[in-house]
Every structure is written in structure tokens, then in C-alpha cells.
Amino acid sequence: MKKQILSFVLVAAMAGTIVTGCSSEKKAGGSDTTKMDSASTTTPPPAATDTAKKDTVKKDTAKKM
């Protein structure tokens, strides 16, 4: 009997999460995730610094026959 109750509870929970997660209805008071943060529009992101070392090995470019 306990297994049947537990099974029913799990099925009900899974069905509830599917209905909630797959709902196409939008809430009126919900936040819009596509809006940009106001701080990111006023200050540009910091410039990336180049940490790669320059190649100091001289290459032989003379043609060999």
C-alpha cells in the first residue's frame, strides 16, 4: 500500500512540474529575462588583455635546394 501511495505522489509531482514548466502562459507581474541590465549599458566591458608571449625564435626563410 505504501508503494502505491508513493508512486501516486511521484507521478502527481512529475505531472505538476511538466505542466508548470511547459506552460506557455506568461505571468503579468513576471520579470522579462530579455531586458539588459542598466549597469551593462552605461559602462563598456573591460578590454581583454593579450597574455600570449611573442615568438622569439627566428625562422629560416631561405630556400634550400
N, C-alpha and C. Protein backbone atom coordinates (compact mmCIF):
# COMPACT_ATOMS: atom_id res chain seq x y z
N MET A 1 0.81 -1.19 0.00
CA MET A 1 0.00 0.00 0.00
C MET A 1 0.86 1.26 0.00
N LYS A 2 1.98 1.24 0.76
CA LYS A 2 2.86 2.40 0.81
C LYS A 2 3.48 2.67 -0.55
N LYS A 3 3.81 1.61 -1.29
CA LYS A 3 4.42 1.77 -2.61
C LYS A 3 3.44 2.42 -3.58
N GLN A 4 2.18 2.07 -3.48
CA GLN A 4 1.18 2.65 -4.38
C GLN A 4 0.98 4.13 -4.08
N ILE A 5 0.97 4.49 -2.81
CA ILE A 5 0.81 5.90 -2.43
C ILE A 5 2.03 6.70 -2.88
N LEU A 6 3.21 6.16 -2.62
CA LEU A 6 4.44 6.84 -3.02
C LEU A 6 4.49 6.99 -4.54
N SER A 7 4.09 5.95 -5.26
CA SER A 7 4.07 6.00 -6.72
C SER A 7 3.10 7.08 -7.20
N PHE A 8 1.93 7.16 -6.59
CA PHE A 8 0.96 8.18 -6.98
C PHE A 8 1.47 9.58 -6.71
N VAL A 9 2.12 9.77 -5.56
CA VAL A 9 2.67 11.09 -5.21
C VAL A 9 3.75 11.49 -6.21
N LEU A 10 4.62 10.56 -6.56
CA LEU A 10 5.68 10.86 -7.52
C LEU A 10 5.13 11.19 -8.91
N VAL A 11 4.12 10.45 -9.34
CA VAL A 11 3.50 10.72 -10.64
C VAL A 11 2.82 12.09 -10.62
N ALA A 12 2.16 12.41 -9.54
CA ALA A 12 1.49 13.71 -9.43
C ALA A 12 2.51 14.85 -9.43
N ALA A 13 3.63 14.65 -8.74
CA ALA A 13 4.67 15.68 -8.71
C ALA A 13 5.29 15.87 -10.08
N MET A 14 5.56 14.78 -10.78
CA MET A 14 6.15 14.87 -12.13
C MET A 14 5.18 15.55 -13.09
N ALA A 15 3.91 15.20 -13.00
CA ALA A 15 2.91 15.81 -13.88
C ALA A 15 2.78 17.30 -13.57
N GLY A 16 2.85 17.66 -12.32
CA GLY A 16 2.77 19.07 -11.95
C GLY A 16 3.95 19.88 -12.46
N THR A 17 5.14 19.31 -12.39
CA THR A 17 6.31 20.04 -12.89
C THR A 17 6.28 20.16 -14.40
N ILE A 18 5.78 19.15 -15.09
CA ILE A 18 5.67 19.22 -16.54
C ILE A 18 4.67 20.29 -16.94
N VAL A 19 3.53 20.33 -16.27
CA VAL A 19 2.51 21.33 -16.59
C VAL A 19 3.03 22.73 -16.28
N THR A 20 3.72 22.88 -15.18
CA THR A 20 4.24 24.19 -14.79
C THR A 20 5.37 24.62 -15.73
N GLY A 21 6.28 23.72 -16.04
CA GLY A 21 7.44 24.06 -16.87
C GLY A 21 7.10 24.27 -18.32
N CYS A 22 6.13 23.57 -18.83
CA CYS A 22 5.78 23.66 -20.25
C CYS A 22 4.63 24.62 -20.50
N SER A 23 4.23 25.35 -19.51
CA SER A 23 3.13 26.30 -19.67
C SER A 23 3.54 27.42 -20.60
N SER A 24 2.70 27.76 -21.56
CA SER A 24 3.01 28.84 -22.49
C SER A 24 2.44 30.16 -22.03
N GLU A 25 1.69 30.16 -20.96
CA GLU A 25 1.08 31.39 -20.44
C GLU A 25 2.13 32.19 -19.69
N LYS A 26 2.19 33.49 -19.99
CA LYS A 26 3.15 34.36 -19.30
C LYS A 26 2.44 35.08 -18.17
N LYS A 27 3.14 35.26 -17.07
CA LYS A 27 2.57 35.97 -15.93
C LYS A 27 2.66 37.47 -16.18
N ALA A 28 1.68 38.21 -15.70
CA ALA A 28 1.65 39.65 -15.89
C ALA A 28 2.72 40.34 -15.06
N GLY A 29 3.00 39.86 -13.88
CA GLY A 29 3.96 40.51 -13.00
C GLY A 29 5.35 39.92 -13.09
N GLY A 30 5.57 38.98 -13.99
CA GLY A 30 6.87 38.33 -14.10
C GLY A 30 7.93 39.24 -14.67
N SER A 31 9.16 38.91 -14.42
CA SER A 31 10.25 39.72 -14.95
C SER A 31 10.62 39.23 -16.34
N ASP A 32 11.03 40.16 -17.18
CA ASP A 32 11.43 39.84 -18.54
C ASP A 32 12.91 39.54 -18.55
N THR A 33 13.30 38.35 -18.96
CA THR A 33 14.70 37.98 -18.93
C THR A 33 15.46 38.50 -20.13
N THR A 34 14.78 39.10 -21.11
CA THR A 34 15.48 39.61 -22.28
C THR A 34 15.93 41.05 -22.10
N LYS A 35 15.51 41.70 -21.02
CA LYS A 35 15.95 43.07 -20.77
C LYS A 35 17.41 43.07 -20.37
N MET A 36 18.12 44.12 -20.80
CA MET A 36 19.52 44.26 -20.44
C MET A 36 19.62 44.98 -19.10
N ASP A 37 20.64 44.66 -18.36
CA ASP A 37 20.90 45.32 -17.09
C ASP A 37 21.31 46.76 -17.36
N SER A 38 20.83 47.70 -16.57
CA SER A 38 21.14 49.10 -16.81
C SER A 38 22.62 49.39 -16.60
N ALA A 39 23.28 48.66 -15.73
CA ALA A 39 24.71 48.88 -15.49
C ALA A 39 25.54 48.45 -16.69
N SER A 40 25.09 47.42 -17.41
CA SER A 40 25.87 46.95 -18.54
C SER A 40 25.76 47.88 -19.74
N THR A 41 24.72 48.71 -19.79
CA THR A 41 24.58 49.63 -20.92
C THR A 41 25.36 50.91 -20.72
N THR A 42 25.69 51.26 -19.47
CA THR A 42 26.39 52.51 -19.22
C THR A 42 27.89 52.35 -19.25
N THR A 43 28.40 51.22 -18.83
CA THR A 43 29.85 51.02 -18.82
C THR A 43 30.22 49.88 -19.73
N PRO A 44 31.18 50.09 -20.62
CA PRO A 44 31.59 49.00 -21.51
C PRO A 44 32.37 47.95 -20.73
N PRO A 45 32.38 46.72 -21.22
CA PRO A 45 33.13 45.68 -20.53
C PRO A 45 34.63 45.98 -20.61
N PRO A 46 35.40 45.52 -19.65
CA PRO A 46 36.84 45.78 -19.68
C PRO A 46 37.49 45.11 -20.88
N ALA A 47 38.50 45.77 -21.41
CA ALA A 47 39.20 45.23 -22.58
C ALA A 47 40.02 44.01 -22.18
N ALA A 48 40.01 43.03 -23.05
CA ALA A 48 40.76 41.81 -22.78
C ALA A 48 42.25 42.09 -23.01
N THR A 49 43.05 41.62 -22.11
CA THR A 49 44.49 41.82 -22.25
C THR A 49 45.09 40.60 -22.92
N ASP A 50 46.04 40.85 -23.79
CA ASP A 50 46.69 39.77 -24.52
C ASP A 50 47.82 39.21 -23.66
N THR A 51 47.69 37.97 -23.24
CA THR A 51 48.69 37.37 -22.37
C THR A 51 49.61 36.41 -23.14
N ALA A 52 49.41 36.30 -24.45
CA ALA A 52 50.25 35.41 -25.25
C ALA A 52 51.64 36.03 -25.43
N LYS A 53 52.66 35.20 -25.31
CA LYS A 53 54.03 35.68 -25.48
C LYS A 53 54.38 35.67 -26.97
N LYS A 54 55.21 36.63 -27.35
CA LYS A 54 55.61 36.71 -28.75
C LYS A 54 56.64 35.63 -29.04
N ASP A 55 56.63 35.17 -30.29
CA ASP A 55 57.56 34.15 -30.72
C ASP A 55 58.91 34.80 -30.98
N THR A 56 59.94 34.38 -30.26
CA THR A 56 61.26 34.98 -30.41
C THR A 56 62.20 34.13 -31.24
N VAL A 57 61.75 32.97 -31.70
CA VAL A 57 62.59 32.08 -32.49
C VAL A 57 62.59 32.57 -33.93
N LYS A 58 63.82 32.74 -34.49
CA LYS A 58 63.92 33.18 -35.87
C LYS A 58 63.77 31.96 -36.78
N LYS A 59 62.96 32.15 -37.81
CA LYS A 59 62.69 31.06 -38.74
C LYS A 59 63.57 31.22 -39.96
N ASP A 60 64.05 30.11 -40.48
CA ASP A 60 64.89 30.11 -41.70
C ASP A 60 63.97 30.20 -42.90
N THR A 61 63.99 31.33 -43.57
CA THR A 61 63.13 31.53 -44.72
C THR A 61 63.86 31.35 -46.04
N ALA A 62 65.16 31.02 -45.98
CA ALA A 62 65.95 30.85 -47.21
C ALA A 62 65.52 29.56 -47.90
N LYS A 63 65.45 29.61 -49.22
CA LYS A 63 65.07 28.43 -49.99
C LYS A 63 66.28 27.49 -50.08
N LYS A 64 66.04 26.26 -49.81
CA LYS A 64 67.08 25.24 -49.87
C LYS A 64 66.82 24.37 -51.08
N MET A 65 67.91 24.03 -51.78
CA MET A 65 67.76 23.17 -52.95
C MET A 65 68.46 21.88 -52.79
